[in-house]
């Protein structure tokens, strides 16, 4: 391999590692020789509709109308009727069937770090162990569960065998 080719490869890698773009001047010169020269007389402005929709208005003449463009939306066949509840539209957030609210459970990790911590409680009859996440910044395990309002008993299962009550 010749030294010039290796030097260009090293230079390109150096620029890539620095987040820069390596531009080879020889390639630019070759490309410029292949291109024709630009003149203001050759410039023809393009209208925004032509650019957006890729159409040539100059060749279409008077045949083209803005209504001919398919914007992707269709007119509604039937008017939408809102679900009327007492004279107002009820949103999903106000739906009384969906009465679950987010609750964050946190276990502080003052001692040695545990391999895993799970949450188990009366909110699901002690059947499911929910895996908790560890936050290195605050040194605590946490999880957010969406539960109905009420009082629940819960324990943490540390390393799959030790059941711990939160103080």
Protein backbone atom coordinates (compact mmCIF):
# COMPACT_ATOMS: atom_id res chain seq x y z
CA UNK A 1 0.00 0.00 0.00
CA UNK A 2 1.33 3.40 -0.86
CA UNK A 3 1.98 5.99 1.85
CA UNK A 4 -0.41 8.58 0.42
CA UNK A 5 -3.37 6.21 0.63
CA UNK A 6 -2.52 5.24 4.23
CA UNK A 7 -2.09 8.91 5.19
CA UNK A 8 -5.51 9.80 3.77
CA UNK A 9 -7.11 6.89 5.65
CA UNK A 10 -5.51 8.02 8.93
CA UNK A 11 -6.58 11.60 8.32
CA UNK A 12 -10.16 10.56 7.56
CA UNK A 13 -10.26 8.48 10.78
CA UNK A 14 -8.83 11.37 12.80
CA UNK A 15 -11.53 13.70 11.47
CA UNK A 16 -14.25 11.10 12.16
CA UNK A 17 -13.14 10.71 15.78
CA UNK A 18 -13.22 14.48 16.25
CA UNK A 19 -16.73 14.66 14.81
CA UNK A 20 -15.55 16.47 11.69
CA UNK A 21 -15.94 15.68 8.01
CA UNK A 22 -12.79 14.97 6.04
CA UNK A 23 -12.85 16.54 2.59
CA UNK A 24 -10.25 15.46 0.06
CA UNK A 25 -9.28 18.47 -2.06
CA UNK A 26 -8.33 16.30 -5.06
CA UNK A 27 -11.84 14.82 -5.21
CA UNK A 28 -13.35 18.32 -5.03
CA UNK A 29 -11.17 19.52 -7.91
CA UNK A 30 -12.12 16.50 -10.05
CA UNK A 31 -15.81 17.06 -9.34
CA UNK A 32 -15.61 20.76 -10.18
CA UNK A 33 -13.99 19.95 -13.53
CA UNK A 34 -16.89 17.60 -14.39
CA UNK A 35 -19.55 20.21 -13.54
CA UNK A 36 -20.65 22.92 -15.92
CA UNK A 37 -20.20 26.51 -14.89
CA UNK A 38 -23.16 28.30 -13.36
CA UNK A 39 -24.47 31.58 -14.68
CA UNK A 40 -27.28 33.80 -13.40
CA UNK A 41 -28.95 33.62 -16.83
CA UNK A 42 -29.37 29.84 -16.49
CA UNK A 43 -31.12 30.18 -13.13
CA UNK A 44 -34.87 29.70 -13.15
CA UNK A 45 -36.71 30.20 -9.86
CA UNK A 46 -38.89 27.34 -8.70
CA UNK A 47 -42.22 27.89 -7.01
CA UNK A 48 -42.90 26.32 -3.64
CA UNK A 49 -45.71 24.13 -5.07
CA UNK A 50 -43.33 22.74 -7.66
CA UNK A 51 -40.77 21.95 -4.99
CA UNK A 52 -43.26 20.45 -2.55
CA UNK A 53 -45.16 18.25 -4.97
CA UNK A 54 -42.53 17.67 -7.65
CA UNK A 55 -44.62 19.07 -10.47
CA UNK A 56 -43.64 21.30 -13.32
CA UNK A 57 -46.14 24.15 -13.52
CA UNK A 58 -44.46 25.69 -16.56
CA UNK A 59 -45.22 22.62 -18.72
CA UNK A 60 -48.75 22.18 -17.35
CA UNK A 61 -49.81 25.69 -18.30
CA UNK A 62 -53.37 26.60 -17.31
CA UNK A 63 -54.39 22.96 -16.89
CA UNK A 64 -53.02 22.75 -13.33
CA UNK A 65 -55.19 23.80 -10.40
CA UNK A 66 -54.50 23.67 -6.70
CA UNK A 67 -57.55 21.43 -6.24
CA UNK A 68 -55.81 18.74 -8.32
CA UNK A 69 -53.28 18.08 -5.57
CA UNK A 70 -54.05 15.17 -3.25
CA UNK A 71 -53.09 16.39 0.19
CA UNK A 72 -53.82 12.98 1.75
CA UNK A 73 -56.88 14.00 3.76
CA UNK A 74 -60.40 13.07 2.81
CA UNK A 75 -63.61 14.82 3.62
CA UNK A 76 -65.60 13.18 6.38
CA UNK A 77 -68.50 11.11 5.10
CA UNK A 78 -70.50 11.35 8.35
CA UNK A 79 -70.20 14.06 10.96
CA UNK A 80 -68.61 12.82 14.16
CA UNK A 81 -70.96 12.87 17.13
CA UNK A 82 -69.37 13.25 20.56
CA UNK A 83 -70.30 10.91 23.35
CA UNK A 84 -72.70 13.14 25.18
CA UNK A 85 -72.71 12.71 28.95
CA UNK A 86 -74.85 15.29 30.70
CA UNK A 87 -74.41 17.84 27.93
CA UNK A 88 -70.58 17.72 27.76
CA UNK A 89 -67.95 15.58 26.09
CA UNK A 90 -66.32 13.17 28.51
CA UNK A 91 -62.59 12.69 28.09
CA UNK A 92 -60.67 9.50 28.74
CA UNK A 93 -59.03 11.11 31.77
CA UNK A 94 -62.39 11.81 33.39
CA UNK A 95 -63.76 8.32 32.72
CA UNK A 96 -65.00 6.90 36.05
CA UNK A 97 -64.22 3.33 34.90
CA UNK A 98 -60.53 4.20 34.71
CA UNK A 99 -59.94 5.08 38.37
CA UNK A 100 -56.32 3.95 38.63
CA UNK A 101 -53.70 6.45 39.70
CA UNK A 102 -49.89 6.26 39.65
CA UNK A 103 -48.19 5.49 42.96
CA UNK A 104 -44.43 5.37 43.45
CA UNK A 105 -42.93 2.79 45.79
CA UNK A 106 -39.36 3.45 46.99
CA UNK A 107 -36.97 1.41 49.11
CA UNK A 108 -33.83 3.17 50.33
CA UNK A 109 -30.64 1.15 50.06
CA UNK A 110 -28.54 2.17 53.06
CA UNK A 111 -26.54 -1.04 53.39
CA UNK A 112 -24.91 -3.30 50.82
CA UNK A 113 -26.35 -3.22 47.34
CA UNK A 114 -28.83 -5.99 46.57
CA UNK A 115 -28.89 -7.98 43.33
CA UNK A 116 -32.65 -7.57 42.87
CA UNK A 117 -35.67 -6.14 44.65
CA UNK A 118 -39.31 -6.95 43.88
CA UNK A 119 -42.56 -5.48 45.19
CA UNK A 120 -45.46 -7.65 46.28
CA UNK A 121 -48.69 -6.67 48.06
CA UNK A 122 -52.41 -6.87 48.65
CA UNK A 123 -53.12 -4.82 45.51
CA UNK A 124 -52.80 -8.10 43.55
CA UNK A 125 -53.36 -10.62 46.40
CA UNK A 126 -49.58 -11.20 46.81
CA UNK A 127 -49.55 -13.07 43.47
CA UNK A 128 -47.22 -10.95 41.29
CA UNK A 129 -43.71 -9.78 42.07
CA UNK A 130 -43.05 -6.45 40.35
CA UNK A 131 -39.38 -5.88 39.49
CA UNK A 132 -38.05 -2.62 40.90
CA UNK A 133 -35.43 -0.37 39.28
CA UNK A 134 -32.32 0.97 41.04
CA UNK A 135 -31.34 4.63 40.89
CA UNK A 136 -27.58 5.03 41.40
CA UNK A 137 -27.85 8.75 42.09
CA UNK A 138 -30.25 8.46 45.07
CA UNK A 139 -29.26 4.87 46.04
CA UNK A 140 -32.83 3.64 46.15
CA UNK A 141 -35.05 1.09 44.45
CA UNK A 142 -38.26 2.39 42.88
CA UNK A 143 -41.29 1.39 40.82
CA UNK A 144 -44.46 3.18 39.70
CA UNK A 145 -47.70 1.18 39.73
CA UNK A 146 -51.15 2.35 38.65
CA UNK A 147 -53.53 1.39 41.45
CA UNK A 148 -57.06 2.21 42.50
CA UNK A 149 -57.34 4.49 45.50
CA UNK A 150 -57.25 2.67 48.82
CA UNK A 151 -54.96 1.24 51.48
CA UNK A 152 -52.64 -1.63 50.69
CA UNK A 153 -50.14 -3.77 52.55
CA UNK A 154 -46.89 -4.47 50.72
CA UNK A 155 -43.41 -5.90 51.22
CA UNK A 156 -40.17 -5.91 49.30
CA UNK A 157 -38.61 -9.22 48.25
CA UNK A 158 -34.83 -8.73 48.39
CA UNK A 159 -32.63 -11.06 46.32
CA UNK A 160 -35.59 -13.38 45.75
CA UNK A 161 -35.76 -14.73 49.30
CA UNK A 162 -35.78 -12.04 52.03
CA UNK A 163 -39.12 -10.31 52.66
CA UNK A 164 -38.57 -6.77 53.99
CA UNK A 165 -41.10 -4.25 55.34
CA UNK A 166 -40.52 -0.59 54.51
CA UNK A 167 -40.10 1.59 57.60
